[in-house]
């Protein structure tokens, strides 16, 4: 039997939309009952083997190939990188949400790019200063790209980041992920939403994860925005490894298992005092550590 390979671009209740890796065409496929019995559930980004039954326009999934990685939130597999979209106004995203997401990405050892959207809204000197401070905090750790659908600043740069890769686009509801995608590839024609004045956050326009082919090459996973971010499956003692700026200082702590919270002679805390590590990032680290600790003790 002739098996073909494809990538799952959308998962329905009983069927999958699969994009053939050779013909670049989409096909609806269904899964035999054995997958349900074995409690095997595919997710967007999974690579699969399938075949087409004679006189049938549907495909049949034969195998789900091993994943090289998997993100819990958003639920996607086999991505090359993550683009975290955030904003400093309408909505104003709390830095701790940014850092919690970065912890999840670091855990999966994925490359990450931070896009600061809606910079056209930052008009006052205080708002422009906050953008500058945000960039100063994060640009030594990750690429940071400011942009706006109004000014179209750095669009070429973002396209270069996405080209020929499988990228998951993530961020809080209302930060403009969908408008960013439409700006990058107008052929997508995705429905855009707006921020609710009453709630202060975005209305969901993407209600399910889907893998979108980009006309300039590559795929992007458009995912529903989230209102909050829970850290699941992470031990409090591993969180310090997901703050890369801690790494140069950790070997000089007095205790090899230093948590950088309350121990004396902690090189990381000294680096914070000396402004070699961002105080804001360290404060968020402590908050994340305590949150995970409380979850574990429940």
Protein backbone atom coordinates (compact mmCIF):
# COMPACT_ATOMS: atom_id res chain seq x y z
CA UNK A 1 0.00 0.00 0.00
CA UNK A 2 1.24 3.46 -0.89
CA UNK A 3 1.62 5.51 2.29
CA UNK A 4 1.96 9.27 2.03
CA UNK A 5 3.27 11.74 4.59
CA UNK A 6 1.52 14.85 5.78
CA UNK A 7 1.28 17.31 8.63
CA UNK A 8 -1.87 17.88 10.71
CA UNK A 9 -3.05 21.44 10.15
CA UNK A 10 -6.36 21.09 12.01
CA UNK A 11 -7.96 18.55 14.33
CA UNK A 12 -11.72 18.05 14.39
CA UNK A 13 -13.69 15.74 16.65
CA UNK A 14 -13.35 12.66 14.43
CA UNK A 15 -11.31 13.80 11.45
CA UNK A 16 -8.07 15.59 10.66
CA UNK A 17 -7.18 18.08 7.99
CA UNK A 18 -3.79 16.95 6.69
CA UNK A 19 -1.50 18.85 4.30
CA UNK A 20 0.46 16.50 2.06
CA UNK A 21 4.18 17.25 2.29
CA UNK A 22 4.76 16.45 -1.38
CA UNK A 23 1.74 17.88 -3.20
CA UNK A 24 1.04 20.72 -0.71
CA UNK A 25 -2.68 20.00 -0.94
CA UNK A 26 -5.10 19.54 1.98
CA UNK A 27 -7.09 16.38 2.58
CA UNK A 28 -9.62 15.31 5.18
CA UNK A 29 -8.55 12.12 6.92
CA UNK A 30 -10.24 9.95 9.51
CA UNK A 31 -8.67 7.82 12.22
CA UNK A 32 -9.39 4.10 12.60
CA UNK A 33 -10.84 2.97 15.92
CA UNK A 34 -7.51 1.53 17.12
CA UNK A 35 -6.28 5.04 17.93
CA UNK A 36 -9.24 5.68 20.23
CA UNK A 37 -8.79 2.30 21.92
CA UNK A 38 -5.09 3.07 22.49
CA UNK A 39 -6.02 6.59 23.66
CA UNK A 40 -3.80 8.15 21.00
CA UNK A 41 -4.90 11.65 20.11
CA UNK A 42 -3.13 13.72 17.44
CA UNK A 43 -2.51 17.42 17.79
CA UNK A 44 -1.79 20.21 15.35
CA UNK A 45 1.76 19.88 14.03
CA UNK A 46 1.89 16.08 14.18
CA UNK A 47 3.46 14.36 11.19
CA UNK A 48 1.41 11.40 9.98
CA UNK A 49 1.44 8.61 7.45
CA UNK A 50 -1.83 8.10 5.60
CA UNK A 51 -3.32 6.36 2.60
CA UNK A 52 -6.32 6.95 0.39
CA UNK A 53 -8.84 4.17 0.10
CA UNK A 54 -9.92 3.16 -3.40
CA UNK A 55 -12.98 5.08 -4.61
CA UNK A 56 -12.85 7.27 -1.50
CA UNK A 57 -12.03 10.96 -1.32
CA UNK A 58 -11.01 10.70 2.34
CA UNK A 59 -7.63 9.65 3.69
CA UNK A 60 -7.03 7.12 6.45
CA UNK A 61 -4.39 7.74 9.12
CA UNK A 62 -1.97 4.82 9.41
CA UNK A 63 0.63 6.17 11.85
CA UNK A 64 1.34 9.24 13.93
CA UNK A 65 5.10 9.76 13.77
CA UNK A 66 7.17 10.50 16.91
CA UNK A 67 7.16 14.12 18.07
CA UNK A 68 10.38 16.06 18.44
CA UNK A 69 8.67 18.39 20.94
CA UNK A 70 5.29 19.36 22.32
CA UNK A 71 3.98 22.52 23.92
CA UNK A 72 1.23 22.32 26.51
CA UNK A 73 -0.08 25.84 25.99
CA UNK A 74 -0.70 26.25 23.14
CA UNK A 75 -1.15 22.52 22.40
CA UNK A 76 1.05 22.00 19.34
CA UNK A 77 3.82 19.62 18.28
CA UNK A 78 6.99 19.66 16.19
CA UNK A 79 7.53 23.41 16.12
CA UNK A 80 10.91 24.95 15.26
CA UNK A 81 10.35 28.14 17.20
CA UNK A 82 7.86 30.22 19.15
CA UNK A 83 6.92 33.82 18.46
CA UNK A 84 5.48 35.39 21.59
CA UNK A 85 3.30 38.35 20.68
CA UNK A 86 2.78 40.87 23.45
CA UNK A 87 1.72 44.49 23.81
CA UNK A 88 2.25 47.32 26.27
CA UNK A 89 -1.15 48.93 25.69
CA UNK A 90 -4.67 47.71 24.81
CA UNK A 91 -4.06 45.30 26.43
CA UNK A 92 -1.13 46.02 28.70
CA UNK A 93 0.44 42.62 29.29
CA UNK A 94 1.89 41.92 32.72
CA UNK A 95 5.59 41.09 32.51
CA UNK A 96 5.08 38.01 34.69
CA UNK A 97 2.85 36.52 31.98
CA UNK A 98 5.69 37.04 29.50
CA UNK A 99 8.17 35.37 31.86
CA UNK A 100 5.87 32.42 32.62
CA UNK A 101 5.49 31.76 28.93
CA UNK A 102 9.24 32.01 28.42
CA UNK A 103 9.69 29.37 31.17
CA UNK A 104 7.44 26.98 29.21
CA UNK A 105 9.37 27.60 26.00
CA UNK A 106 12.77 27.23 27.69
CA UNK A 107 11.60 23.90 29.15
CA UNK A 108 11.02 22.62 25.61
CA UNK A 109 14.41 24.01 24.46
CA UNK A 110 12.77 25.99 21.67
CA UNK A 111 13.98 29.17 20.07
CA UNK A 112 11.80 32.15 20.89
CA UNK A 113 11.29 35.58 19.38
CA UNK A 114 9.34 38.31 21.19
CA UNK A 115 7.19 40.62 19.07
CA UNK A 116 5.95 43.79 20.77
CA UNK A 117 2.83 44.72 18.84
CA UNK A 118 0.73 47.91 18.70
CA UNK A 119 3.65 50.26 19.23
CA UNK A 120 1.71 52.97 17.37
CA UNK A 121 -0.40 53.30 20.54
CA UNK A 122 2.63 54.26 22.62
CA UNK A 123 2.46 58.03 22.27
CA UNK A 124 3.39 59.63 25.59
CA UNK A 125 7.04 59.92 26.73
CA UNK A 126 6.27 57.49 29.58
CA UNK A 127 4.88 54.88 27.17
CA UNK A 128 7.84 55.20 24.83
CA UNK A 129 10.19 54.88 27.78
CA UNK A 130 8.45 51.66 28.85
CA UNK A 131 8.97 50.21 25.38
CA UNK A 132 12.64 51.09 25.61
CA UNK A 133 12.88 49.50 29.04
CA UNK A 134 11.12 46.34 27.83
CA UNK A 135 13.56 46.00 24.96
CA UNK A 136 16.53 46.61 27.27
CA UNK A 137 15.37 43.86 29.62
CA UNK A 138 14.76 41.17 27.03
CA UNK A 139 16.94 41.87 23.98
CA UNK A 140 20.07 40.39 25.59
CA UNK A 141 18.13 37.12 26.05
CA UNK A 142 15.89 36.88 23.00
CA UNK A 143 15.32 38.72 19.71
CA UNK A 144 12.79 41.50 20.34
CA UNK A 145 10.94 42.99 17.37
CA UNK A 146 8.61 46.01 17.82
CA UNK A 147 5.87 46.36 15.22
CA UNK A 148 2.40 47.68 14.40
CA UNK A 149 -0.20 47.00 11.71
CA UNK A 150 -0.48 50.78 11.32
CA UNK A 151 3.20 51.55 10.75
CA UNK A 152 4.14 48.07 9.42
CA UNK A 153 7.48 48.50 11.12
CA UNK A 154 9.89 45.52 10.88
CA UNK A 155 7.51 43.38 8.81
CA UNK A 156 10.35 42.19 6.56
CA UNK A 157 12.31 41.19 9.64
CA UNK A 158 9.42 39.15 11.04
CA UNK A 159 8.90 37.44 7.67
CA UNK A 160 12.57 36.43 7.67
CA UNK A 161 12.11 34.93 11.15
CA UNK A 162 9.13 32.83 10.00
CA UNK A 163 10.39 31.81 6.57
CA UNK A 164 10.78 28.04 5.99
CA UNK A 165 10.10 27.18 9.64
CA UNK A 166 7.18 25.81 11.64
CA UNK A 167 6.35 28.56 14.11
CA UNK A 168 3.75 28.76 16.81
CA UNK A 169 2.31 32.21 17.42
CA UNK A 170 1.15 32.73 21.00
CA UNK A 171 0.09 35.48 23.35
CA UNK A 172 -2.70 36.91 25.45
CA UNK A 173 -6.06 37.55 23.84
CA UNK A 174 -6.17 40.93 22.14
CA UNK A 175 -2.45 41.49 21.52
CA UNK A 176 -3.04 41.35 17.77
CA UNK A 177 -1.79 37.92 16.67
CA UNK A 178 -4.38 37.63 13.89
CA UNK A 179 -3.85 41.16 12.59
CA UNK A 180 -0.11 40.47 12.60
CA UNK A 181 -0.63 37.37 10.46
CA UNK A 182 -2.85 39.26 8.02
CA UNK A 183 -0.17 41.92 7.75
CA UNK A 184 2.53 39.31 7.09
CA UNK A 185 0.43 37.39 4.55
CA UNK A 186 -2.73 39.21 3.33
CA UNK A 187 -3.85 36.08 1.47
CA UNK A 188 -4.74 34.48 4.81
CA UNK A 189 -7.70 36.87 5.27
CA UNK A 190 -8.22 35.91 8.91
CA UNK A 191 -11.01 37.50 10.93
CA UNK A 192 -9.68 40.11 13.33
CA UNK A 193 -11.12 41.08 16.70
CA UNK A 194 -10.68 44.00 19.04
CA UNK A 195 -10.10 44.63 22.72
CA UNK A 196 -13.21 44.77 24.90
CA UNK A 197 -13.30 48.18 26.70
CA UNK A 198 -15.24 46.59 29.57
CA UNK A 199 -12.94 43.62 30.16
CA UNK A 200 -9.68 45.22 29.07
CA UNK A 201 -8.70 42.16 27.06
CA UNK A 202 -9.24 40.83 23.59
CA UNK A 203 -12.20 38.95 22.23
CA UNK A 204 -11.21 35.56 20.80
CA UNK A 205 -11.13 35.48 17.00
CA UNK A 206 -9.18 32.22 16.80
CA UNK A 207 -11.16 29.48 18.53
CA UNK A 208 -8.97 26.49 17.66
CA UNK A 209 -5.33 25.83 16.84
CA UNK A 210 -4.61 25.57 13.12
CA UNK A 211 -1.49 25.31 11.00
CA UNK A 212 -1.40 27.93 8.26
CA UNK A 213 0.92 27.78 5.23
CA UNK A 214 2.63 31.09 4.52
CA UNK A 215 3.03 32.27 0.93
CA UNK A 216 6.67 33.24 1.55
CA UNK A 217 7.46 29.77 2.93
CA UNK A 218 6.92 27.93 6.20
CA UNK A 219 3.97 27.32 8.49
CA UNK A 220 2.59 29.22 11.42
CA UNK A 221 0.35 27.81 14.14
CA UNK A 222 -2.38 30.33 14.89
CA UNK A 223 -3.69 29.55 18.37
CA UNK A 224 -6.49 30.89 20.57
CA UNK A 225 -5.31 33.62 22.91
CA UNK A 226 -5.27 32.91 26.62
CA UNK A 227 -6.40 35.00 29.56
CA UNK A 228 -3.93 33.50 32.00
CA UNK A 229 -1.10 31.01 31.97
CA UNK A 230 -0.73 28.09 34.35
CA UNK A 231 2.54 26.23 34.75
CA UNK A 232 1.87 22.50 34.69
CA UNK A 233 4.40 19.68 34.92
CA UNK A 234 7.24 21.88 36.17
CA UNK A 235 9.17 21.31 39.39
CA UNK A 236 10.07 24.40 41.40
CA UNK A 237 13.74 23.38 41.49
CA UNK A 238 14.06 23.38 37.70
CA UNK A 239 12.65 26.87 37.14
CA UNK A 240 16.05 28.51 37.74
CA UNK A 241 17.41 26.68 34.69
CA UNK A 242 14.83 28.42 32.51
CA UNK A 243 16.16 31.90 33.30
CA UNK A 244 19.24 31.92 31.04
CA UNK A 245 20.74 35.05 32.62
CA UNK A 246 21.17 33.09 35.87
CA UNK A 247 23.51 30.55 34.27
CA UNK A 248 26.81 32.48 34.43
CA UNK A 249 26.35 33.15 38.16
CA UNK A 250 24.90 29.88 39.49
CA UNK A 251 28.28 28.06 39.81
CA UNK A 252 29.42 30.73 42.30
CA UNK A 253 26.56 30.29 44.75
CA UNK A 254 27.61 28.96 48.16
CA UNK A 255 25.24 26.00 47.79
CA UNK A 256 25.21 23.82 44.69
CA UNK A 257 21.45 23.40 44.95
CA UNK A 258 20.79 27.08 45.63
CA UNK A 259 17.25 28.11 44.73
CA UNK A 260 18.24 31.81 44.64
CA UNK A 261 15.36 32.58 46.99
CA UNK A 262 16.51 32.65 50.62
CA UNK A 263 19.98 31.10 50.74
CA UNK A 264 22.98 33.18 51.91
CA UNK A 265 25.91 33.97 49.61
CA UNK A 266 23.77 33.57 46.50
CA UNK A 267 25.66 34.80 43.43
CA UNK A 268 22.43 35.35 41.52
CA UNK A 269 21.03 37.67 44.19
CA UNK A 270 24.33 39.53 44.28
CA UNK A 271 24.14 39.94 40.49
CA UNK A 272 20.64 41.39 40.89
CA UNK A 273 21.95 43.88 43.46
CA UNK A 274 24.75 44.83 41.07
CA UNK A 275 22.20 45.29 38.25
CA UNK A 276 23.80 42.52 36.21
CA UNK A 277 20.44 40.73 36.25
CA UNK A 278 17.14 42.56 35.81
CA UNK A 279 15.42 43.07 39.16
CA UNK A 280 12.04 42.75 37.44
CA UNK A 281 12.98 39.38 35.95
CA UNK A 282 14.31 38.17 39.31
CA UNK A 283 11.14 39.34 41.09
CA UNK A 284 9.06 37.40 38.57
CA UNK A 285 11.27 34.35 39.06
CA UNK A 286 10.54 34.43 42.80
CA UNK A 287 6.80 34.79 42.15
CA UNK A 288 6.80 31.88 39.69
CA UNK A 289 8.83 29.74 42.11
CA UNK A 290 6.35 30.38 44.92
CA UNK A 291 3.35 29.76 42.65
CA UNK A 292 4.70 26.37 41.57
CA UNK A 293 5.62 25.56 45.19
CA UNK A 294 2.05 26.28 46.32
CA UNK A 295 0.62 24.13 43.51
CA UNK A 296 2.87 21.25 44.56
CA UNK A 297 1.83 21.51 48.22
CA UNK A 298 -1.90 21.37 47.48
